[in-house]
């Protein structure tokens, strides 16, 4: 993420940017980032929050996004969910987009 890029301020924005990271870089399992630059769900969230894929994350938005993803997807452990053999990139992107669009739909009804 460049220094001129504004960091996400909501979990929804962060999830949308994480989806963009996966689409741009490619998706992987078992590692935050692989030797080809592909990222898993958590690696994409970390990058989208302005952190390194494998470093510590000091972002309330990142933590809130993880809570929201677990709640919306009814998932206990996001890394284990991402790494299941049956999981596909389509599943991961669908979950991220579900969280990203959730607030927009609520705001449209107001």
C-alpha atoms as a PDB file:
ATOM      1  CA  UNK A   1       0.000   0.000   0.000  1.00  0.00           C
ATOM      2  CA  UNK A   2       1.485   3.366  -0.945  1.00  0.00           C
ATOM      3  CA  UNK A   3       1.920   6.207   1.530  1.00  0.00           C
ATOM      4  CA  UNK A   4      -0.656   8.267  -0.383  1.00  0.00           C
ATOM      5  CA  UNK A   5      -3.360   5.601  -0.112  1.00  0.00           C
ATOM      6  CA  UNK A   6      -5.835   6.298   2.667  1.00  0.00           C
ATOM      7  CA  UNK A   7      -6.142   3.382   5.069  1.00  0.00           C
ATOM      8  CA  UNK A   8      -9.596   1.845   5.507  1.00  0.00           C
ATOM      9  CA  UNK A   9     -11.570   3.283   8.418  1.00  0.00           C
ATOM     10  CA  UNK A  10     -14.309   0.628   8.643  1.00  0.00           C
ATOM     11  CA  UNK A  11     -14.341  -3.171   8.614  1.00  0.00           C
ATOM     12  CA  UNK A  12     -16.418  -2.995   5.434  1.00  0.00           C
ATOM     13  CA  UNK A  13     -13.789  -0.917   3.603  1.00  0.00           C
ATOM     14  CA  UNK A  14     -11.048  -3.218   4.854  1.00  0.00           C
ATOM     15  CA  UNK A  15     -12.882  -6.318   3.602  1.00  0.00           C
ATOM     16  CA  UNK A  16     -13.413  -4.734   0.178  1.00  0.00           C
ATOM     17  CA  UNK A  17      -9.714  -3.888  -0.071  1.00  0.00           C
ATOM     18  CA  UNK A  18      -8.748  -7.372   1.104  1.00  0.00           C
ATOM     19  CA  UNK A  19     -10.889  -8.823  -1.695  1.00  0.00           C
ATOM     20  CA  UNK A  20      -9.070  -6.546  -4.148  1.00  0.00           C
ATOM     21  CA  UNK A  21      -5.693  -7.755  -2.800  1.00  0.00           C
ATOM     22  CA  UNK A  22      -6.689 -11.389  -3.381  1.00  0.00           C
ATOM     23  CA  UNK A  23      -7.939 -10.648  -6.893  1.00  0.00           C
ATOM     24  CA  UNK A  24      -4.740  -8.738  -7.718  1.00  0.00           C
ATOM     25  CA  UNK A  25      -2.201 -11.087  -6.090  1.00  0.00           C
ATOM     26  CA  UNK A  26      -3.961 -14.445  -6.129  1.00  0.00           C
ATOM     27  CA  UNK A  27      -5.067 -16.614  -3.213  1.00  0.00           C
ATOM     28  CA  UNK A  28      -3.206 -19.229  -1.208  1.00  0.00           C
ATOM     29  CA  UNK A  29      -3.652 -21.560   1.733  1.00  0.00           C
ATOM     30  CA  UNK A  30      -1.341 -22.513   4.587  1.00  0.00           C
ATOM     31  CA  UNK A  31       0.664 -19.263   4.574  1.00  0.00           C
ATOM     32  CA  UNK A  32      -0.110 -15.578   4.893  1.00  0.00           C
ATOM     33  CA  UNK A  33       1.839 -15.048   1.670  1.00  0.00           C
ATOM     34  CA  UNK A  34       3.519 -17.620  -0.562  1.00  0.00           C
ATOM     35  CA  UNK A  35       6.644 -17.390  -2.727  1.00  0.00           C
ATOM     36  CA  UNK A  36       4.528 -16.187  -5.671  1.00  0.00           C
ATOM     37  CA  UNK A  37       2.984 -13.326  -3.682  1.00  0.00           C
ATOM     38  CA  UNK A  38      -0.426 -14.996  -3.326  1.00  0.00           C
ATOM     39  CA  UNK A  39      -2.142 -14.212  -0.028  1.00  0.00           C
ATOM     40  CA  UNK A  40      -4.592 -16.008   2.208  1.00  0.00           C
ATOM     41  CA  UNK A  41      -7.592 -14.330   3.811  1.00  0.00           C
ATOM     42  CA  UNK A  42      -5.588 -13.103   6.809  1.00  0.00           C
ATOM     43  CA  UNK A  43      -2.632 -11.997   4.668  1.00  0.00           C
ATOM     44  CA  UNK A  44      -5.001  -9.973   2.486  1.00  0.00           C
ATOM     45  CA  UNK A  45      -6.601  -8.337   5.535  1.00  0.00           C
ATOM     46  CA  UNK A  46      -3.174  -7.464   6.906  1.00  0.00           C
ATOM     47  CA  UNK A  47      -2.030  -5.925   3.622  1.00  0.00           C
ATOM     48  CA  UNK A  48      -5.284  -4.001   3.251  1.00  0.00           C
ATOM     49  CA  UNK A  49      -4.815  -2.574   6.747  1.00  0.00           C
ATOM     50  CA  UNK A  50      -1.387  -1.219   5.806  1.00  0.00           C
ATOM     51  CA  UNK A  51       0.590  -3.949   7.621  1.00  0.00           C
ATOM     52  CA  UNK A  52       2.944  -6.596   6.347  1.00  0.00           C
ATOM     53  CA  UNK A  53       1.333  -9.997   5.653  1.00  0.00           C
ATOM     54  CA  UNK A  54       3.365 -11.725   8.376  1.00  0.00           C
ATOM     55  CA  UNK A  55       4.046  -8.923  10.851  1.00  0.00           C
ATOM     56  CA  UNK A  56       2.088  -7.653  13.819  1.00  0.00           C
ATOM     57  CA  UNK A  57      -1.064  -5.648  13.170  1.00  0.00           C
ATOM     58  CA  UNK A  58      -1.932  -2.647  15.317  1.00  0.00           C
ATOM     59  CA  UNK A  59      -5.268  -1.693  13.819  1.00  0.00           C
ATOM     60  CA  UNK A  60      -8.674  -1.559  15.463  1.00  0.00           C
ATOM     61  CA  UNK A  61     -10.266  -1.749  12.009  1.00  0.00           C
ATOM     62  CA  UNK A  62      -8.361  -4.986  11.286  1.00  0.00           C
ATOM     63  CA  UNK A  63      -9.531  -6.528  14.563  1.00  0.00           C
ATOM     64  CA  UNK A  64     -13.116  -5.367  13.985  1.00  0.00           C
ATOM     65  CA  UNK A  65     -13.066  -6.839  10.468  1.00  0.00           C
ATOM     66  CA  UNK A  66     -11.937 -10.219  11.820  1.00  0.00           C
ATOM     67  CA  UNK A  67     -14.765 -10.194  14.364  1.00  0.00           C
ATOM     68  CA  UNK A  68     -17.282  -9.220  11.665  1.00  0.00           C
ATOM     69  CA  UNK A  69     -16.045 -11.943   9.287  1.00  0.00           C
ATOM     70  CA  UNK A  70     -16.311 -14.598  11.997  1.00  0.00           C
ATOM     71  CA  UNK A  71     -19.812 -13.412  12.923  1.00  0.00           C
ATOM     72  CA  UNK A  72     -21.205 -13.110   9.380  1.00  0.00           C
ATOM     73  CA  UNK A  73     -19.670 -16.393   8.245  1.00  0.00           C
ATOM     74  CA  UNK A  74     -20.348 -18.178  11.542  1.00  0.00           C
ATOM     75  CA  UNK A  75     -16.679 -19.133  11.594  1.00  0.00           C
ATOM     76  CA  UNK A  76     -14.728 -19.948  14.760  1.00  0.00           C
ATOM     77  CA  UNK A  77     -11.233 -19.723  13.298  1.00  0.00           C
ATOM     78  CA  UNK A  78     -10.562 -17.764  10.089  1.00  0.00           C
ATOM     79  CA  UNK A  79      -7.131 -19.287   9.253  1.00  0.00           C
ATOM     80  CA  UNK A  80      -8.472 -22.834   9.651  1.00  0.00           C
ATOM     81  CA  UNK A  81     -11.549 -21.921   7.565  1.00  0.00           C
ATOM     82  CA  UNK A  82      -9.309 -20.475   4.806  1.00  0.00           C
ATOM     83  CA  UNK A  83      -7.042 -23.530   4.804  1.00  0.00           C
ATOM     84  CA  UNK A  84      -9.683 -26.276   4.540  1.00  0.00           C
ATOM     85  CA  UNK A  85      -9.193 -28.422   1.445  1.00  0.00           C
ATOM     86  CA  UNK A  86     -12.746 -27.751   0.254  1.00  0.00           C
ATOM     87  CA  UNK A  87     -12.261 -23.961   0.412  1.00  0.00           C
ATOM     88  CA  UNK A  88     -11.893 -22.008  -2.824  1.00  0.00           C
ATOM     89  CA  UNK A  89     -11.010 -18.442  -3.664  1.00  0.00           C
ATOM     90  CA  UNK A  90     -14.684 -17.934  -4.561  1.00  0.00           C
ATOM     91  CA  UNK A  91     -15.682 -18.800  -0.970  1.00  0.00           C
ATOM     92  CA  UNK A  92     -13.151 -16.345   0.454  1.00  0.00           C
ATOM     93  CA  UNK A  93     -14.151 -13.508  -1.887  1.00  0.00           C
ATOM     94  CA  UNK A  94     -17.849 -14.141  -1.220  1.00  0.00           C
ATOM     95  CA  UNK A  95     -17.312 -13.851   2.544  1.00  0.00           C
ATOM     96  CA  UNK A  96     -15.287 -10.647   2.181  1.00  0.00           C
ATOM     97  CA  UNK A  97     -17.866  -9.122  -0.149  1.00  0.00           C
ATOM     98  CA  UNK A  98     -20.725 -10.141   2.130  1.00  0.00           C
ATOM     99  CA  UNK A  99     -19.167  -8.122   4.961  1.00  0.00           C
ATOM    100  CA  UNK A 100     -18.167  -5.283   2.615  1.00  0.00           C
ATOM    101  CA  UNK A 101     -21.695  -4.832   1.281  1.00  0.00           C
ATOM    102  CA  UNK A 102     -23.575  -5.429   4.510  1.00  0.00           C
ATOM    103  CA  UNK A 103     -23.486  -1.808   5.723  1.00  0.00           C
ATOM    104  CA  UNK A 104     -24.184  -0.391   2.265  1.00  0.00           C
ATOM    105  CA  UNK A 105     -27.432  -2.376   2.116  1.00  0.00           C
ATOM    106  CA  UNK A 106     -28.469  -1.145   5.561  1.00  0.00           C
ATOM    107  CA  UNK A 107     -27.650   2.460   4.653  1.00  0.00           C
ATOM    108  CA  UNK A 108     -29.759   2.234   1.464  1.00  0.00           C
ATOM    109  CA  UNK A 109     -32.837   1.323   3.515  1.00  0.00           C
ATOM    110  CA  UNK A 110     -32.567   4.380   5.786  1.00  0.00           C
END
